[in-house]
N, C-alpha and C. Protein backbone atom coordinates (compact mmCIF):
# COMPACT_ATOMS: atom_id res chain seq x y z
N MET A 1 23.68 -20.43 -40.34
CA MET A 1 22.95 -21.44 -39.61
C MET A 1 21.92 -22.09 -40.49
N THR A 2 21.86 -23.37 -40.45
CA THR A 2 20.87 -24.14 -41.21
C THR A 2 19.63 -24.33 -40.37
N VAL A 3 18.49 -24.13 -40.98
CA VAL A 3 17.20 -24.37 -40.30
C VAL A 3 16.73 -25.76 -40.68
N ASP A 4 16.64 -26.65 -39.69
CA ASP A 4 16.21 -28.03 -39.94
C ASP A 4 14.81 -28.32 -39.42
N SER A 5 14.25 -27.41 -38.59
CA SER A 5 12.92 -27.59 -38.06
C SER A 5 12.31 -26.24 -37.74
N PHE A 6 10.98 -26.20 -37.75
CA PHE A 6 10.26 -24.98 -37.50
C PHE A 6 9.30 -25.13 -36.34
N GLY A 7 9.06 -24.04 -35.63
CA GLY A 7 8.04 -24.01 -34.59
C GLY A 7 7.07 -22.89 -34.85
N PHE A 8 5.80 -23.14 -34.55
CA PHE A 8 4.77 -22.13 -34.67
C PHE A 8 4.10 -21.94 -33.32
N ILE A 9 4.02 -20.72 -32.87
CA ILE A 9 3.27 -20.40 -31.66
C ILE A 9 2.05 -19.62 -32.12
N GLY A 10 0.90 -20.22 -32.02
CA GLY A 10 -0.35 -19.64 -32.49
C GLY A 10 -0.91 -20.43 -33.64
N MET A 11 -2.00 -21.13 -33.41
CA MET A 11 -2.66 -21.95 -34.43
C MET A 11 -4.03 -21.41 -34.78
N GLY A 12 -4.09 -20.10 -34.92
CA GLY A 12 -5.34 -19.45 -35.31
C GLY A 12 -5.49 -19.47 -36.83
N LYS A 13 -6.14 -18.46 -37.37
CA LYS A 13 -6.43 -18.41 -38.79
C LYS A 13 -5.19 -18.47 -39.65
N MET A 14 -4.13 -17.81 -39.27
CA MET A 14 -2.91 -17.78 -40.09
C MET A 14 -1.96 -18.96 -39.78
N GLY A 15 -1.67 -19.16 -38.51
CA GLY A 15 -0.74 -20.23 -38.12
C GLY A 15 -1.20 -21.61 -38.55
N SER A 16 -2.52 -21.85 -38.45
CA SER A 16 -3.04 -23.17 -38.79
C SER A 16 -2.99 -23.44 -40.30
N ARG A 17 -2.79 -22.38 -41.07
CA ARG A 17 -2.68 -22.57 -42.51
C ARG A 17 -1.20 -22.57 -42.98
N MET A 18 -0.36 -21.86 -42.22
CA MET A 18 1.04 -21.81 -42.59
C MET A 18 1.84 -23.05 -42.18
N ALA A 19 1.62 -23.52 -40.97
CA ALA A 19 2.36 -24.68 -40.46
C ALA A 19 2.23 -25.92 -41.34
N PRO A 20 1.05 -26.25 -41.85
CA PRO A 20 0.94 -27.42 -42.71
C PRO A 20 1.74 -27.30 -44.02
N HIS A 21 1.86 -26.09 -44.55
CA HIS A 21 2.67 -25.88 -45.76
C HIS A 21 4.12 -26.26 -45.50
N ILE A 22 4.61 -25.82 -44.36
CA ILE A 22 6.02 -26.14 -44.00
C ILE A 22 6.18 -27.65 -43.81
N ALA A 23 5.22 -28.25 -43.13
CA ALA A 23 5.27 -29.72 -42.89
C ALA A 23 5.22 -30.48 -44.20
N ARG A 24 4.33 -30.06 -45.11
CA ARG A 24 4.22 -30.77 -46.41
C ARG A 24 5.51 -30.63 -47.22
N ALA A 25 6.26 -29.57 -47.00
CA ALA A 25 7.51 -29.38 -47.70
C ALA A 25 8.62 -30.27 -47.13
N GLY A 26 8.32 -30.99 -46.03
CA GLY A 26 9.27 -31.97 -45.51
C GLY A 26 9.98 -31.60 -44.21
N TRP A 27 9.74 -30.40 -43.68
CA TRP A 27 10.40 -30.03 -42.44
C TRP A 27 9.57 -30.48 -41.23
N PRO A 28 10.23 -30.89 -40.15
CA PRO A 28 9.50 -31.12 -38.92
C PRO A 28 8.94 -29.80 -38.38
N VAL A 29 7.71 -29.85 -37.88
CA VAL A 29 7.05 -28.67 -37.37
C VAL A 29 6.51 -28.94 -35.98
N HIS A 30 6.80 -28.04 -35.06
CA HIS A 30 6.33 -28.15 -33.67
C HIS A 30 5.40 -26.98 -33.43
N VAL A 31 4.24 -27.22 -32.83
CA VAL A 31 3.23 -26.16 -32.67
C VAL A 31 2.75 -26.05 -31.23
N PHE A 32 2.30 -24.85 -30.86
CA PHE A 32 1.65 -24.64 -29.56
C PHE A 32 0.62 -23.55 -29.74
N ASP A 33 -0.50 -23.70 -29.05
CA ASP A 33 -1.52 -22.67 -28.98
C ASP A 33 -2.12 -22.74 -27.58
N LEU A 34 -2.55 -21.58 -27.06
CA LEU A 34 -3.18 -21.59 -25.75
C LEU A 34 -4.43 -22.46 -25.74
N ASN A 35 -5.04 -22.65 -26.91
CA ASN A 35 -6.17 -23.52 -27.05
C ASN A 35 -5.67 -24.86 -27.61
N PRO A 36 -5.50 -25.89 -26.76
CA PRO A 36 -4.96 -27.16 -27.22
C PRO A 36 -5.74 -27.78 -28.37
N ASP A 37 -7.05 -27.54 -28.41
CA ASP A 37 -7.87 -28.09 -29.50
C ASP A 37 -7.39 -27.59 -30.88
N ALA A 38 -6.97 -26.34 -30.92
CA ALA A 38 -6.48 -25.76 -32.19
C ALA A 38 -5.22 -26.47 -32.66
N SER A 39 -4.27 -26.68 -31.75
CA SER A 39 -3.04 -27.38 -32.09
C SER A 39 -3.30 -28.82 -32.49
N ASN A 40 -4.13 -29.49 -31.70
CA ASN A 40 -4.44 -30.90 -31.97
C ASN A 40 -5.15 -31.10 -33.30
N ALA A 41 -6.04 -30.18 -33.67
CA ALA A 41 -6.73 -30.29 -34.95
C ALA A 41 -5.76 -30.19 -36.12
N VAL A 42 -4.80 -29.28 -36.04
CA VAL A 42 -3.83 -29.13 -37.12
C VAL A 42 -2.94 -30.37 -37.20
N ALA A 43 -2.49 -30.87 -36.04
CA ALA A 43 -1.63 -32.05 -36.03
C ALA A 43 -2.34 -33.29 -36.56
N ARG A 44 -3.64 -33.44 -36.21
CA ARG A 44 -4.41 -34.60 -36.70
C ARG A 44 -4.55 -34.57 -38.21
N ALA A 45 -4.65 -33.39 -38.77
CA ALA A 45 -4.88 -33.24 -40.20
C ALA A 45 -3.63 -33.32 -41.04
N HIS A 46 -2.46 -33.21 -40.43
CA HIS A 46 -1.22 -33.12 -41.19
C HIS A 46 -0.11 -33.91 -40.53
N ASN A 47 0.49 -34.82 -41.28
CA ASN A 47 1.64 -35.56 -40.77
C ASN A 47 2.83 -34.62 -40.62
N GLY A 48 3.67 -34.94 -39.68
CA GLY A 48 4.90 -34.13 -39.47
C GLY A 48 4.72 -32.97 -38.55
N ILE A 49 3.54 -32.80 -37.95
CA ILE A 49 3.33 -31.74 -37.01
C ILE A 49 3.21 -32.32 -35.61
N VAL A 50 4.03 -31.81 -34.70
CA VAL A 50 4.08 -32.29 -33.33
C VAL A 50 3.52 -31.18 -32.42
N VAL A 51 2.56 -31.55 -31.56
CA VAL A 51 1.99 -30.59 -30.63
C VAL A 51 2.88 -30.56 -29.39
N GLU A 52 3.28 -29.37 -28.98
CA GLU A 52 4.08 -29.18 -27.76
C GLU A 52 3.16 -28.58 -26.70
N ASP A 53 3.57 -28.69 -25.44
CA ASP A 53 2.73 -28.22 -24.33
C ASP A 53 3.02 -26.81 -23.88
N SER A 54 3.95 -26.12 -24.52
CA SER A 54 4.27 -24.73 -24.18
C SER A 54 5.04 -24.06 -25.31
N ALA A 55 5.05 -22.71 -25.24
CA ALA A 55 5.87 -21.97 -26.18
C ALA A 55 7.34 -22.31 -25.98
N LYS A 56 7.72 -22.50 -24.73
CA LYS A 56 9.11 -22.86 -24.40
C LYS A 56 9.48 -24.16 -25.04
N ALA A 57 8.60 -25.14 -25.01
CA ALA A 57 8.87 -26.46 -25.63
C ALA A 57 9.06 -26.32 -27.14
N VAL A 58 8.26 -25.45 -27.76
CA VAL A 58 8.43 -25.20 -29.19
C VAL A 58 9.82 -24.62 -29.47
N ALA A 59 10.22 -23.64 -28.66
CA ALA A 59 11.50 -23.00 -28.85
C ALA A 59 12.65 -23.98 -28.65
N GLU A 60 12.52 -24.91 -27.75
CA GLU A 60 13.55 -25.92 -27.51
C GLU A 60 13.61 -26.95 -28.64
N ALA A 61 12.49 -27.17 -29.31
CA ALA A 61 12.44 -28.24 -30.34
C ALA A 61 12.78 -27.74 -31.74
N ALA A 62 12.66 -26.44 -31.98
CA ALA A 62 12.76 -25.90 -33.32
C ALA A 62 13.98 -24.98 -33.50
N ASP A 63 14.46 -24.97 -34.74
CA ASP A 63 15.58 -24.05 -35.10
C ASP A 63 15.06 -22.64 -35.39
N ALA A 64 13.85 -22.56 -35.92
CA ALA A 64 13.23 -21.25 -36.21
C ALA A 64 11.83 -21.25 -35.61
N VAL A 65 11.49 -20.21 -34.90
CA VAL A 65 10.17 -20.10 -34.24
C VAL A 65 9.42 -18.95 -34.88
N ILE A 66 8.19 -19.22 -35.28
CA ILE A 66 7.32 -18.23 -35.92
C ILE A 66 6.12 -17.99 -35.00
N THR A 67 5.91 -16.74 -34.60
CA THR A 67 4.73 -16.44 -33.78
C THR A 67 3.63 -15.89 -34.68
N MET A 68 2.44 -16.38 -34.47
CA MET A 68 1.25 -15.96 -35.25
C MET A 68 0.14 -15.70 -34.25
N LEU A 69 0.19 -14.56 -33.58
CA LEU A 69 -0.74 -14.30 -32.46
C LEU A 69 -1.67 -13.17 -32.82
N PRO A 70 -2.95 -13.27 -32.38
CA PRO A 70 -3.96 -12.33 -32.88
C PRO A 70 -3.89 -10.92 -32.35
N ALA A 71 -3.89 -10.70 -31.04
CA ALA A 71 -3.96 -9.32 -30.57
C ALA A 71 -3.85 -9.22 -29.07
N GLY A 72 -4.06 -8.01 -28.54
CA GLY A 72 -4.19 -7.71 -27.14
C GLY A 72 -3.24 -8.41 -26.21
N PRO A 73 -3.77 -9.30 -25.34
CA PRO A 73 -2.95 -9.96 -24.36
C PRO A 73 -1.80 -10.77 -24.98
N ASP A 74 -1.92 -11.04 -26.27
CA ASP A 74 -0.90 -11.87 -26.90
C ASP A 74 0.42 -11.12 -27.08
N VAL A 75 0.41 -9.79 -26.97
CA VAL A 75 1.68 -9.06 -27.05
C VAL A 75 2.59 -9.50 -25.92
N ARG A 76 2.05 -9.68 -24.74
CA ARG A 76 2.83 -10.18 -23.61
C ARG A 76 3.35 -11.57 -23.93
N ALA A 77 2.50 -12.39 -24.54
CA ALA A 77 2.91 -13.74 -24.90
C ALA A 77 4.05 -13.71 -25.91
N VAL A 78 4.03 -12.76 -26.85
CA VAL A 78 5.12 -12.63 -27.81
C VAL A 78 6.42 -12.33 -27.08
N ALA A 79 6.38 -11.39 -26.16
CA ALA A 79 7.59 -11.02 -25.41
C ALA A 79 8.12 -12.22 -24.63
N LEU A 80 7.23 -12.92 -23.96
CA LEU A 80 7.67 -14.11 -23.20
C LEU A 80 8.17 -15.20 -24.11
N ALA A 81 7.50 -15.43 -25.24
CA ALA A 81 7.93 -16.46 -26.19
C ALA A 81 9.30 -16.12 -26.76
N MET A 82 9.51 -14.84 -27.09
CA MET A 82 10.82 -14.44 -27.62
C MET A 82 11.92 -14.69 -26.60
N ALA A 83 11.64 -14.36 -25.34
CA ALA A 83 12.64 -14.57 -24.28
C ALA A 83 12.93 -16.06 -24.09
N ALA A 84 11.87 -16.88 -24.07
CA ALA A 84 12.06 -18.33 -23.92
C ALA A 84 12.80 -18.92 -25.10
N ALA A 85 12.39 -18.50 -26.31
CA ALA A 85 13.07 -18.98 -27.51
C ALA A 85 14.55 -18.61 -27.53
N GLY A 86 14.82 -17.36 -27.17
CA GLY A 86 16.21 -16.92 -27.16
C GLY A 86 17.06 -17.71 -26.19
N ARG A 87 16.53 -17.94 -24.99
CA ARG A 87 17.27 -18.73 -24.00
C ARG A 87 17.49 -20.17 -24.49
N ALA A 88 16.46 -20.76 -25.07
CA ALA A 88 16.57 -22.14 -25.55
C ALA A 88 17.58 -22.23 -26.68
N MET A 89 17.54 -21.29 -27.60
CA MET A 89 18.48 -21.29 -28.71
C MET A 89 19.91 -21.06 -28.24
N ALA A 90 20.10 -20.20 -27.25
CA ALA A 90 21.45 -19.95 -26.70
C ALA A 90 21.99 -21.21 -26.05
N ARG A 91 21.13 -21.96 -25.32
CA ARG A 91 21.56 -23.19 -24.68
C ARG A 91 21.99 -24.24 -25.71
N GLN A 92 21.36 -24.21 -26.87
CA GLN A 92 21.73 -25.16 -27.93
C GLN A 92 23.05 -24.81 -28.58
N GLY A 93 23.50 -23.59 -28.38
CA GLY A 93 24.81 -23.20 -28.85
C GLY A 93 24.91 -22.81 -30.31
N GLY A 94 23.88 -23.00 -31.09
CA GLY A 94 23.95 -22.70 -32.52
C GLY A 94 23.16 -21.51 -32.96
N GLY A 95 22.59 -20.79 -32.05
CA GLY A 95 21.74 -19.67 -32.46
C GLY A 95 20.38 -20.15 -32.93
N GLY A 96 19.70 -19.34 -33.65
CA GLY A 96 18.37 -19.69 -34.14
C GLY A 96 17.71 -18.48 -34.77
N ARG A 97 16.45 -18.64 -35.08
CA ARG A 97 15.69 -17.57 -35.71
C ARG A 97 14.33 -17.44 -35.01
N ILE A 98 13.91 -16.23 -34.75
CA ILE A 98 12.58 -15.95 -34.23
C ILE A 98 11.90 -15.03 -35.26
N ILE A 99 10.74 -15.45 -35.72
CA ILE A 99 10.02 -14.70 -36.76
C ILE A 99 8.64 -14.33 -36.16
N ASN A 100 8.40 -13.08 -35.92
CA ASN A 100 7.10 -12.64 -35.41
C ASN A 100 6.29 -12.11 -36.60
N ALA A 101 5.18 -12.70 -36.82
CA ALA A 101 4.30 -12.26 -37.89
C ALA A 101 3.18 -11.40 -37.33
N THR A 102 2.93 -10.31 -37.96
CA THR A 102 1.85 -9.44 -37.55
C THR A 102 1.09 -9.02 -38.81
N SER A 103 0.26 -8.07 -38.71
CA SER A 103 -0.52 -7.68 -39.89
C SER A 103 -0.12 -6.26 -40.29
N ALA A 104 -0.65 -5.84 -41.43
CA ALA A 104 -0.40 -4.47 -41.91
C ALA A 104 -1.00 -3.44 -40.97
N ALA A 105 -1.88 -3.89 -40.07
CA ALA A 105 -2.51 -2.96 -39.12
C ALA A 105 -1.47 -2.28 -38.25
N ALA A 106 -0.29 -2.86 -38.14
CA ALA A 106 0.78 -2.22 -37.34
C ALA A 106 1.18 -0.87 -37.95
N ARG A 107 0.94 -0.66 -39.20
CA ARG A 107 1.39 0.55 -39.86
C ARG A 107 0.25 1.35 -40.47
N MET A 108 -0.99 1.01 -40.10
CA MET A 108 -2.16 1.68 -40.71
C MET A 108 -3.04 2.29 -39.62
N ALA A 109 -3.74 3.31 -39.98
CA ALA A 109 -4.79 3.87 -39.13
C ALA A 109 -6.09 3.25 -39.57
N LEU A 110 -6.73 2.50 -38.69
CA LEU A 110 -7.98 1.85 -39.02
C LEU A 110 -9.10 2.38 -38.12
N PRO A 111 -10.12 2.94 -38.72
CA PRO A 111 -11.23 3.44 -37.91
C PRO A 111 -11.80 2.34 -37.00
N ASN A 112 -12.03 2.66 -35.77
CA ASN A 112 -12.63 1.72 -34.78
C ASN A 112 -11.74 0.55 -34.44
N TYR A 113 -10.49 0.55 -34.84
CA TYR A 113 -9.58 -0.57 -34.54
C TYR A 113 -8.29 -0.10 -33.89
N ALA A 114 -8.37 0.96 -33.11
CA ALA A 114 -7.16 1.55 -32.52
C ALA A 114 -6.45 0.55 -31.60
N ALA A 115 -7.18 -0.15 -30.77
CA ALA A 115 -6.55 -1.10 -29.86
C ALA A 115 -5.90 -2.24 -30.62
N TYR A 116 -6.58 -2.73 -31.61
CA TYR A 116 -6.02 -3.84 -32.44
C TYR A 116 -4.73 -3.38 -33.14
N ALA A 117 -4.80 -2.20 -33.75
CA ALA A 117 -3.61 -1.67 -34.45
C ALA A 117 -2.48 -1.43 -33.48
N ALA A 118 -2.79 -1.00 -32.27
CA ALA A 118 -1.73 -0.74 -31.29
C ALA A 118 -1.03 -2.04 -30.87
N THR A 119 -1.80 -3.15 -30.73
CA THR A 119 -1.16 -4.40 -30.36
C THR A 119 -0.28 -4.92 -31.50
N LYS A 120 -0.71 -4.73 -32.73
CA LYS A 120 0.11 -5.16 -33.87
C LYS A 120 1.37 -4.31 -33.93
N ALA A 121 1.26 -3.03 -33.66
CA ALA A 121 2.43 -2.17 -33.65
C ALA A 121 3.39 -2.57 -32.53
N ALA A 122 2.84 -3.02 -31.40
CA ALA A 122 3.69 -3.46 -30.29
C ALA A 122 4.48 -4.69 -30.69
N VAL A 123 3.85 -5.65 -31.37
CA VAL A 123 4.59 -6.85 -31.83
C VAL A 123 5.68 -6.43 -32.79
N ASP A 124 5.35 -5.53 -33.69
CA ASP A 124 6.35 -5.03 -34.66
C ASP A 124 7.52 -4.37 -33.93
N SER A 125 7.23 -3.57 -32.96
CA SER A 125 8.27 -2.87 -32.18
C SER A 125 9.13 -3.84 -31.39
N LEU A 126 8.48 -4.82 -30.73
CA LEU A 126 9.25 -5.82 -29.99
C LEU A 126 10.22 -6.57 -30.89
N THR A 127 9.75 -6.89 -32.09
CA THR A 127 10.59 -7.64 -33.02
C THR A 127 11.78 -6.80 -33.49
N ARG A 128 11.50 -5.55 -33.81
CA ARG A 128 12.60 -4.67 -34.30
C ARG A 128 13.62 -4.35 -33.23
N SER A 129 13.21 -4.37 -31.95
CA SER A 129 14.13 -4.00 -30.87
C SER A 129 14.86 -5.20 -30.29
N ALA A 130 14.47 -6.41 -30.69
CA ALA A 130 15.11 -7.61 -30.11
C ALA A 130 16.53 -7.79 -30.61
């Protein structure tokens, strides 16, 4: 399968820096964040980035979807985004790619960061079991 466009769900510290690199390389990029200001700021600063109104819209617009979500409640968002992306890609008939990015905290013991590490491990586990 050829990837002709990318989607990013999460325009925080990592997503807001990664999406512009992909756009500058010439690929269309579709983004969504629960905070519309974050998505709009990235799109205003970089040509080729389109703000979508939902994770589902990103999945429908892109061949590959990359999630860049911080923690906690976002694990549920990852699961829902993966389900929406999978359904959208199946409807398109050509398959697709879902890339969940997490941190090394998924595999490390960090003092005072047990909840954070647990959410990262959950994203890692969801990805491996999909």
